[in-house]
Amino acid sequence: MHVATRSSPSPASSPSSQGGRQSWLDALRGVAALIVVFEHSLDPLLPEIRGSISPWFDFGQYGVLVFFLVSGYVIPVSLERRGSVRGFWITRFFRLYPLWALAAVIGTVFGLAGVYSTLPAQTSGQPWSATLAHVTMLQDLLQVPSVVNVFWTLSYEMAFYLLVTAMFVFGVHRASTGTSLTFAVCALVAGALVPAGWLTHAVGGSVVGIAAVVLLGGIAAVLSAKRDVRLHGAAVIAVLALVLLTLNSRVGAWQSLIILATMFGGTAIYRIERSPAVWAHSRWLLGLVPVLSVAAAVWLGPGWGMSEAGQQAFKWSWSAAVVAAWLTFAAGLALRHRAVSPVLVWLGLASYSIYLLHPLVLQVIRRVTNDPSGIPLATRLAWEAVFFATVIACAALSHRYVEKPAQRVGRRLARAAGEPTYR
């Protein structure tokens, strides 16, 4: 799910453009994107792997957590190096929304045309509310089903952006290790006390409209030239993000807060790497984050109606994914000075396109293959190859003709909107 989306340590370019040292980030994103694509192909093409390995290891969660660690490592640094909240949000808008809008339109058309079995009931029954929730990119925290399934991760990316912005405006953005550990501890507490979607159940559908107004007002205030207005705006967007993460996420409080702990963990790794004085004590504190993540999964579980065997499988597969994601990121960090394959670098640069478009390609494959049990394994492996090739081809086109032009516009507008550093 980047998902979620991936910017670089540079305010204006991708990590690879900063030299070979940063190409490892692109490589991680490229691998993570392909892992997520593979995960989503299992049900229609490789059910044998779904039945034998998935109960022990969640490929999709693993790929998404790697994405989140990379985002945590680079996003706050992008804001800090730019020194401009306005510039940061301009570039983020043009990084995320053009391709998101394309995928959302195609996903909606597919749903209406029956390529999907149907649009989510809430989307078709309350189209304006669903559209508004999607436009905020917080729909997964507003109890609104995503029109394209992988959109859910963008809600956590957006919450992360809000919190990073607020911390930057208040001047506490360097407290990454403590923030990560705090989120992990709160996940255990809130996860045990707060049911998923509590706020929507208590208040109703008005949560979407209220959240949209608060978000728009908070961001407008943060972009103000007046310091007091910025501080109030920062407080508003921080409270909004924390309330939605804790009281209204689709997956439940503990998973939402663990995701944020993971992202801030990526930020903490960046700071520890560059400050030997911090390394001695911070590495032990940061090491507690994946431990607490596993503890939350084992103690709290999925939190919805699932058989005992299903709950045990979830706890194991989710925990294994957490450990593997942190180890993968650590390995990438350790090998960061080594040369990286240009293919992996390109896959990382196009990872947002790969991530958002692959579910749409998969729906077409599903319609063609129908029931995998009646298809020989060799034929299904051929379809798997076709699926990956088609996804990569579509991603290449969208990266070149949608993402890159939009990013150029964003960088140009960000330069034109230059402002003094916020401190």
Protein backbone atom coordinates (compact mmCIF):
# COMPACT_ATOMS: atom_id res chain seq x y z
CA MET A 1 0.00 0.00 0.00
CA HIS A 2 2.96 3.98 -0.29
CA VAL A 3 2.19 2.65 -0.37
CA ALA A 4 2.57 4.56 -0.06
CA THR A 5 4.46 7.10 -1.81
CA ARG A 6 7.82 7.93 -1.83
CA SER A 7 9.72 11.06 -1.88
CA SER A 8 13.39 11.50 -1.36
CA PRO A 9 15.77 13.10 1.07
CA SER A 10 16.21 15.85 -1.48
CA PRO A 11 13.58 18.53 -1.54
CA ALA A 12 13.29 18.36 -5.27
CA SER A 13 14.38 15.00 -6.53
CA SER A 14 14.45 11.29 -5.94
CA PRO A 15 17.02 9.63 -3.70
CA SER A 16 18.88 8.15 -6.61
CA SER A 17 19.54 11.59 -7.98
CA GLN A 18 21.57 12.35 -4.91
CA GLY A 19 24.15 9.77 -5.87
CA GLY A 20 24.61 6.03 -5.57
CA ARG A 21 24.51 6.22 -1.76
CA GLN A 22 20.76 6.86 -1.85
CA SER A 23 19.89 4.31 -4.53
CA TRP A 24 19.35 1.71 -1.84
CA LEU A 25 16.12 3.48 -0.93
CA ASP A 26 14.85 3.11 -4.48
CA ALA A 27 15.89 -0.53 -4.47
CA LEU A 28 13.90 -1.17 -1.29
CA ARG A 29 10.85 0.54 -2.75
CA GLY A 30 11.14 -1.43 -5.97
CA VAL A 31 11.38 -4.75 -4.14
CA ALA A 32 8.54 -3.79 -1.79
CA ALA A 33 6.30 -2.86 -4.73
CA LEU A 34 6.90 -6.20 -6.46
CA ILE A 35 6.25 -8.08 -3.21
CA VAL A 36 2.86 -6.38 -2.87
CA VAL A 37 2.03 -7.18 -6.49
CA PHE A 38 2.96 -10.80 -5.85
CA GLU A 39 0.79 -10.94 -2.72
CA HIS A 40 -2.27 -9.72 -4.58
CA SER A 41 -1.75 -12.23 -7.37
CA LEU A 42 -1.91 -15.25 -5.07
CA ASP A 43 -5.69 -15.73 -4.84
CA PRO A 44 -6.42 -15.66 -8.59
CA LEU A 45 -3.22 -17.31 -9.82
CA LEU A 46 -1.28 -19.11 -7.08
CA PRO A 47 -3.72 -20.31 -4.41
CA GLU A 48 -1.23 -23.05 -3.45
CA ILE A 49 1.09 -20.41 -1.99
CA ARG A 50 -1.81 -18.66 -0.31
CA GLY A 51 -2.79 -21.86 1.45
CA SER A 52 0.70 -23.01 2.41
CA ILE A 53 2.81 -19.90 3.13
CA SER A 54 0.41 -17.02 3.81
CA PRO A 55 -0.66 -18.38 7.23
CA TRP A 56 2.97 -18.04 8.26
CA PHE A 57 4.07 -14.91 6.43
CA ASP A 58 2.07 -11.92 5.14
CA PHE A 59 3.84 -10.81 1.94
CA GLY A 60 1.60 -7.79 1.51
CA GLN A 61 2.07 -6.48 5.03
CA TYR A 62 5.81 -7.02 4.70
CA GLY A 63 5.98 -4.97 1.51
CA VAL A 64 3.84 -2.19 2.95
CA LEU A 65 5.90 -1.95 6.14
CA VAL A 66 9.08 -1.63 4.09
CA PHE A 67 7.39 1.21 2.20
CA PHE A 68 6.45 2.86 5.49
CA LEU A 69 9.99 2.59 6.83
CA VAL A 70 11.35 4.20 3.66
CA SER A 71 8.77 6.99 3.85
CA GLY A 72 9.66 7.58 7.47
CA TYR A 73 13.33 7.77 6.57
CA VAL A 74 12.96 10.33 3.78
CA ILE A 75 9.76 12.38 4.15
CA PRO A 76 10.64 14.45 7.27
CA VAL A 77 14.12 15.10 5.89
CA SER A 78 12.58 16.37 2.66
CA LEU A 79 10.57 18.89 4.65
CA GLU A 80 13.52 19.92 6.80
CA ARG A 81 15.92 20.40 3.91
CA ARG A 82 13.39 22.45 2.03
CA GLY A 83 12.61 24.45 5.16
CA SER A 84 9.24 25.35 3.69
CA VAL A 85 5.92 23.89 4.76
CA ARG A 86 4.23 25.48 1.77
CA GLY A 87 6.78 24.02 -0.63
CA PHE A 88 6.51 20.62 1.02
CA TRP A 89 2.73 20.45 0.59
CA ILE A 90 2.86 21.71 -2.99
CA THR A 91 5.33 19.01 -3.99
CA ARG A 92 3.41 16.36 -2.03
CA PHE A 93 0.17 17.33 -3.78
CA PHE A 94 1.68 16.99 -7.24
CA ARG A 95 3.51 13.82 -6.20
CA LEU A 96 0.38 12.06 -4.96
CA TYR A 97 -2.81 13.37 -6.48
CA PRO A 98 -2.42 13.22 -10.31
CA LEU A 99 -1.75 9.47 -10.41
CA TRP A 100 -4.17 8.87 -7.54
CA ALA A 101 -6.92 10.64 -9.51
CA LEU A 102 -6.19 8.51 -12.59
CA ALA A 103 -6.34 5.29 -10.59
CA ALA A 104 -9.50 6.42 -8.77
CA VAL A 105 -11.29 7.21 -12.04
CA ILE A 106 -10.29 3.90 -13.61
CA GLY A 107 -11.28 2.02 -10.46
CA THR A 108 -14.68 3.71 -10.41
CA VAL A 109 -15.27 2.97 -14.09
CA PHE A 110 -14.26 -0.66 -13.52
CA GLY A 111 -16.71 -0.89 -10.65
CA LEU A 112 -19.57 0.61 -12.66
CA ALA A 113 -18.76 -1.60 -15.66
CA GLY A 114 -18.63 -4.75 -13.55
CA VAL A 115 -14.92 -5.44 -13.97
CA TYR A 116 -14.98 -5.37 -10.21
CA SER A 117 -17.87 -7.42 -8.89
CA THR A 118 -19.28 -4.12 -7.65
CA LEU A 119 -18.28 -0.83 -6.12
CA PRO A 120 -18.19 -0.83 -2.31
CA ALA A 121 -21.77 -0.40 -1.09
CA GLN A 122 -20.93 2.75 0.83
CA THR A 123 -19.29 4.26 -2.26
CA SER A 124 -22.30 3.66 -4.48
CA GLY A 125 -24.86 4.45 -1.77
CA GLN A 126 -23.23 7.68 -0.55
CA PRO A 127 -21.16 8.85 -3.52
CA TRP A 128 -20.55 12.44 -2.36
CA SER A 129 -19.46 11.43 1.12
CA ALA A 130 -17.24 8.69 -0.29
CA THR A 131 -15.72 11.09 -2.82
CA LEU A 132 -15.00 13.68 -0.13
CA ALA A 133 -13.38 11.06 2.08
CA HIS A 134 -11.20 9.90 -0.82
CA VAL A 135 -10.16 13.45 -1.72
CA THR A 136 -8.82 13.93 1.81
CA MET A 137 -6.93 10.63 1.36
CA LEU A 138 -8.04 9.81 4.90
CA GLN A 139 -10.83 7.45 3.85
CA ASP A 140 -9.38 4.48 5.72
CA LEU A 141 -9.50 6.58 8.89
CA LEU A 142 -13.04 7.69 8.09
CA GLN A 143 -14.54 4.19 7.76
CA VAL A 144 -15.03 4.60 4.00
CA PRO A 145 -13.98 1.63 1.81
CA SER A 146 -11.34 2.48 -0.79
CA VAL A 147 -12.43 2.43 -4.43
CA VAL A 148 -9.02 0.86 -5.19
CA ASN A 149 -8.01 -1.46 -2.39
CA VAL A 150 -4.41 -0.25 -2.04
CA PHE A 151 -5.55 3.32 -1.37
CA TRP A 152 -5.79 2.40 2.32
CA THR A 153 -2.07 2.97 2.86
CA LEU A 154 -2.32 6.54 1.59
CA SER A 155 -4.48 7.37 4.61
CA TYR A 156 -1.56 6.54 6.90
CA GLU A 157 0.88 8.41 4.68
CA MET A 158 -1.40 11.46 4.93
CA ALA A 159 -1.67 11.15 8.72
CA PHE A 160 2.12 10.93 8.85
CA TYR A 161 2.48 14.08 6.72
CA LEU A 162 0.12 15.94 9.05
CA LEU A 163 2.05 14.92 12.15
CA VAL A 164 5.45 15.61 10.59
CA THR A 165 4.26 19.05 9.51
CA ALA A 166 2.91 19.84 12.98
CA MET A 167 6.14 18.72 14.65
CA PHE A 168 8.19 20.82 12.25
CA VAL A 169 6.10 23.95 12.89
CA PHE A 170 6.39 23.43 16.67
CA GLY A 171 10.14 22.76 16.38
CA VAL A 172 10.04 19.25 17.90
CA HIS A 173 10.66 17.35 14.67
CA ARG A 174 13.93 15.82 15.86
CA ALA A 175 12.29 13.82 18.64
CA SER A 176 11.86 10.84 16.31
CA THR A 177 12.93 7.95 18.55
CA GLY A 178 10.71 9.06 21.41
CA THR A 179 7.80 9.65 19.05
CA SER A 180 8.16 6.19 17.51
CA LEU A 181 8.34 4.49 20.90
CA THR A 182 5.39 6.52 22.22
CA PHE A 183 3.21 5.41 19.31
CA ALA A 184 4.20 1.79 19.88
CA VAL A 185 3.34 1.96 23.60
CA CYS A 186 0.06 3.76 22.91
CA ALA A 187 -0.82 1.04 20.40
CA LEU A 188 -0.92 -1.52 23.19
CA VAL A 189 -3.07 0.68 25.41
CA ALA A 190 -5.48 2.11 22.82
CA GLY A 191 -5.75 -1.21 21.01
CA ALA A 192 -7.02 -2.85 24.16
CA LEU A 193 -9.51 -0.11 24.96
CA VAL A 194 -10.86 1.36 21.71
CA PRO A 195 -12.88 -0.67 19.15
CA ALA A 196 -12.21 -0.06 15.45
CA GLY A 197 -14.28 2.76 13.98
CA TRP A 198 -15.61 3.91 17.35
CA LEU A 199 -15.95 7.56 16.32
CA THR A 200 -18.06 6.85 13.24
CA HIS A 201 -20.26 4.46 15.20
CA ALA A 202 -20.78 7.14 17.85
CA VAL A 203 -21.20 10.20 15.62
CA GLY A 204 -22.28 8.78 12.28
CA GLY A 205 -21.49 9.80 8.72
CA SER A 206 -20.96 13.45 9.67
CA VAL A 207 -17.39 12.49 10.63
CA VAL A 208 -16.38 12.70 6.97
CA GLY A 209 -17.59 16.28 6.51
CA ILE A 210 -16.20 17.45 9.85
CA ALA A 211 -12.81 15.89 9.16
CA ALA A 212 -12.65 17.45 5.69
CA VAL A 213 -13.40 20.94 7.03
CA VAL A 214 -10.92 20.58 9.88
CA LEU A 215 -8.24 19.27 7.52
CA LEU A 216 -8.70 22.07 5.00
CA GLY A 217 -8.77 24.73 7.70
CA GLY A 218 -5.77 23.31 9.51
CA ILE A 219 -3.61 23.10 6.40
CA ALA A 220 -4.63 26.61 5.33
CA ALA A 221 -3.59 27.89 8.76
CA VAL A 222 -0.28 26.03 8.67
CA LEU A 223 0.53 27.71 5.36
CA SER A 224 -0.16 31.16 6.78
CA ALA A 225 2.60 33.76 7.00
CA LYS A 226 1.63 34.51 10.61
CA ARG A 227 3.40 32.43 13.23
CA ASP A 228 0.50 32.26 15.70
CA VAL A 229 -1.87 31.12 12.96
CA ARG A 230 0.64 28.47 11.88
CA LEU A 231 0.92 27.16 15.43
CA HIS A 232 -2.84 26.89 15.79
CA GLY A 233 -3.07 25.16 12.41
CA ALA A 234 -0.35 22.71 13.40
CA ALA A 235 -2.21 21.86 16.59
CA VAL A 236 -5.43 21.31 14.62
CA ILE A 237 -3.96 18.92 12.06
CA ALA A 238 -2.04 17.02 14.73
CA VAL A 239 -5.16 16.51 16.84
CA LEU A 240 -7.15 15.48 13.76
CA ALA A 241 -4.57 12.86 12.80
CA LEU A 242 -4.27 11.47 16.33
CA VAL A 243 -8.03 11.30 16.89
CA LEU A 244 -8.67 9.51 13.61
CA LEU A 245 -5.77 7.09 14.07
CA THR A 246 -6.85 6.18 17.58
CA LEU A 247 -10.64 6.32 17.42
CA ASN A 248 -11.69 5.69 13.85
CA SER A 249 -9.36 3.60 11.74
CA ARG A 250 -10.70 0.67 9.76
CA VAL A 251 -8.00 -1.71 11.00
CA GLY A 252 -8.20 -0.66 14.63
CA ALA A 253 -6.17 1.56 16.93
CA TRP A 254 -3.28 -0.79 17.57
CA GLN A 255 -2.47 -1.40 13.91
CA SER A 256 -2.86 2.27 13.02
CA LEU A 257 -0.55 3.39 15.79
CA ILE A 258 1.98 0.65 15.02
CA ILE A 259 2.08 1.88 11.42
CA LEU A 260 2.90 5.40 12.65
CA ALA A 261 5.47 3.97 15.07
CA THR A 262 7.08 2.22 12.11
CA MET A 263 7.19 5.38 10.02
CA PHE A 264 8.69 7.46 12.80
CA GLY A 265 11.05 4.55 13.37
CA GLY A 266 12.35 5.13 9.86
CA THR A 267 12.90 8.79 10.73
CA ALA A 268 14.71 7.82 13.93
CA ILE A 269 17.04 5.53 11.96
CA TYR A 270 17.98 8.47 9.74
CA ARG A 271 18.81 10.64 12.75
CA ILE A 272 20.69 7.91 14.62
CA GLU A 273 22.72 7.11 11.50
CA ARG A 274 23.94 10.70 11.32
CA SER A 275 24.58 11.27 15.02
CA PRO A 276 27.04 8.90 16.69
CA ALA A 277 26.36 10.60 20.03
CA VAL A 278 22.72 9.59 19.79
CA TRP A 279 23.47 6.02 18.67
CA ALA A 280 24.57 4.70 22.07
CA HIS A 281 21.25 5.14 23.87
CA SER A 282 18.70 5.60 21.06
CA ARG A 283 19.33 2.29 19.32
CA TRP A 284 18.04 0.38 22.34
CA LEU A 285 14.92 2.48 22.59
CA LEU A 286 14.26 2.17 18.88
CA GLY A 287 14.79 -1.57 19.06
CA LEU A 288 11.74 -1.77 21.31
CA VAL A 289 9.47 -0.60 18.49
CA PRO A 290 9.44 -3.84 16.45
CA VAL A 291 9.29 -5.80 19.72
CA LEU A 292 6.19 -3.87 20.81
CA SER A 293 4.74 -4.23 17.30
CA VAL A 294 4.94 -8.00 17.58
CA ALA A 295 3.60 -7.88 21.14
CA ALA A 296 0.59 -5.86 19.98
CA ALA A 297 -0.18 -8.40 17.24
CA VAL A 298 0.15 -11.36 19.59
CA TRP A 299 -1.82 -9.78 22.43
CA LEU A 300 -4.55 -7.95 20.52
CA GLY A 301 -4.86 -9.86 17.24
CA PRO A 302 -7.05 -8.77 14.31
CA GLY A 303 -9.93 -7.68 16.53
CA TRP A 304 -12.86 -8.87 14.39
CA GLY A 305 -14.90 -12.00 13.93
CA MET A 306 -12.31 -14.59 12.92
CA SER A 307 -11.89 -18.22 13.87
CA GLU A 308 -9.29 -19.13 16.47
CA ALA A 309 -7.12 -20.72 13.79
CA GLY A 310 -7.46 -17.59 11.66
CA GLN A 311 -6.46 -15.37 14.55
CA GLN A 312 -3.39 -17.47 15.27
CA ALA A 313 -2.40 -17.35 11.60
CA PHE A 314 -2.84 -13.57 11.57
CA LYS A 315 -0.72 -13.09 14.66
CA TRP A 316 2.10 -15.21 13.28
CA SER A 317 2.05 -13.87 9.71
CA TRP A 318 1.78 -10.23 10.83
CA SER A 319 4.57 -10.64 13.38
CA ALA A 320 6.84 -12.34 10.86
CA ALA A 321 6.18 -9.51 8.38
CA VAL A 322 7.12 -6.88 10.98
CA VAL A 323 10.42 -8.59 11.82
CA ALA A 324 11.26 -9.19 8.15
CA ALA A 325 10.51 -5.56 7.21
CA TRP A 326 12.81 -4.16 9.89
CA LEU A 327 15.56 -6.64 9.02
CA THR A 328 15.21 -5.81 5.31
CA PHE A 329 15.54 -2.10 6.01
CA ALA A 330 18.54 -2.73 8.27
CA ALA A 331 20.17 -4.80 5.51
CA GLY A 332 19.56 -2.04 2.97
CA LEU A 333 21.07 0.50 5.34
CA ALA A 334 24.12 -1.69 5.95
CA LEU A 335 24.69 -2.17 2.20
CA ARG A 336 23.83 1.38 1.19
CA HIS A 337 27.29 2.22 -0.12
CA ARG A 338 27.29 -0.67 -2.60
CA ALA A 339 26.28 -0.32 -6.22
CA VAL A 340 22.60 -0.97 -6.88
CA SER A 341 21.12 -2.46 -10.03
CA PRO A 342 19.67 0.26 -12.31
CA VAL A 343 16.64 -1.99 -12.76
CA LEU A 344 15.88 -1.87 -9.03
CA VAL A 345 16.47 1.88 -8.98
CA TRP A 346 13.97 2.36 -11.81
CA LEU A 347 11.45 0.08 -10.14
CA GLY A 348 11.76 2.21 -7.03
CA LEU A 349 11.20 5.42 -8.98
CA ALA A 350 8.11 3.88 -10.60
CA SER A 351 6.96 2.14 -7.42
CA TYR A 352 4.02 4.49 -6.85
CA SER A 353 2.68 3.69 -10.31
CA ILE A 354 3.28 -0.02 -9.80
CA TYR A 355 1.53 0.10 -6.46
CA LEU A 356 -1.56 2.06 -7.51
CA LEU A 357 -2.13 0.49 -10.93
CA HIS A 358 -1.50 -3.19 -10.30
CA PRO A 359 -4.91 -3.85 -8.64
CA LEU A 360 -6.60 -2.53 -11.79
CA VAL A 361 -4.59 -4.82 -14.05
CA LEU A 362 -5.29 -7.68 -11.67
CA GLN A 363 -9.05 -7.20 -12.01
CA VAL A 364 -8.75 -7.76 -15.75
CA ILE A 365 -6.65 -10.88 -15.16
CA ARG A 366 -9.26 -12.15 -12.72
CA ARG A 367 -11.99 -11.77 -15.32
CA VAL A 368 -9.96 -13.74 -17.85
CA THR A 369 -8.69 -16.56 -15.64
CA ASN A 370 -11.87 -16.84 -13.53
CA ASP A 371 -11.44 -20.02 -11.42
CA PRO A 372 -7.73 -20.90 -10.89
CA SER A 373 -8.55 -24.44 -9.75
CA GLY A 374 -9.43 -25.39 -13.32
CA ILE A 375 -6.23 -23.99 -14.85
CA PRO A 376 -2.95 -25.96 -15.00
CA LEU A 377 -0.09 -24.57 -12.93
CA ALA A 378 2.07 -23.91 -16.00
CA THR A 379 -0.68 -21.79 -17.53
CA ARG A 380 -1.16 -19.87 -14.31
CA LEU A 381 2.58 -19.19 -14.09
CA ALA A 382 2.41 -17.83 -17.62
CA TRP A 383 -0.46 -15.57 -16.57
CA GLU A 384 1.64 -14.47 -13.59
CA ALA A 385 4.40 -13.41 -15.98
CA VAL A 386 1.87 -11.59 -18.17
CA PHE A 387 0.47 -9.85 -15.10
CA PHE A 388 3.87 -8.58 -13.92
CA ALA A 389 4.88 -7.53 -17.42
CA THR A 390 1.63 -5.63 -17.94
CA VAL A 391 1.87 -3.90 -14.58
CA ILE A 392 5.44 -2.79 -15.25
CA ALA A 393 4.53 -1.58 -18.75
CA CYS A 394 1.57 0.43 -17.43
CA ALA A 395 3.74 1.81 -14.64
CA ALA A 396 6.40 2.88 -17.12
CA LEU A 397 3.82 4.84 -19.12
CA SER A 398 2.18 6.45 -16.09
CA HIS A 399 5.54 7.29 -14.51
CA ARG A 400 6.71 9.00 -17.67
CA TYR A 401 3.52 10.73 -18.75
CA VAL A 402 1.71 11.35 -15.44
CA GLU A 403 4.09 11.28 -12.49
CA LYS A 404 7.15 13.00 -13.90
CA PRO A 405 5.33 15.92 -15.56
CA ALA A 406 3.26 16.48 -12.42
CA GLN A 407 6.37 16.41 -10.23
CA ARG A 408 8.04 18.98 -12.47
CA VAL A 409 5.03 21.27 -12.09
CA GLY A 410 5.09 20.77 -8.33
CA ARG A 411 8.78 21.63 -8.05
CA ARG A 412 8.33 24.71 -10.21
CA LEU A 413 5.40 25.96 -8.13
CA ALA A 414 7.24 25.19 -4.89
CA ARG A 415 10.19 27.32 -6.02
CA ALA A 416 7.83 30.12 -6.98
CA ALA A 417 6.19 29.94 -3.55
CA GLY A 418 9.47 30.42 -1.72
CA GLU A 419 9.15 31.39 1.93
CA PRO A 420 11.39 31.84 4.96
CA THR A 421 12.29 28.77 6.97
CA TYR A 422 9.78 27.96 9.74
CA ARG A 423 11.42 27.65 13.10
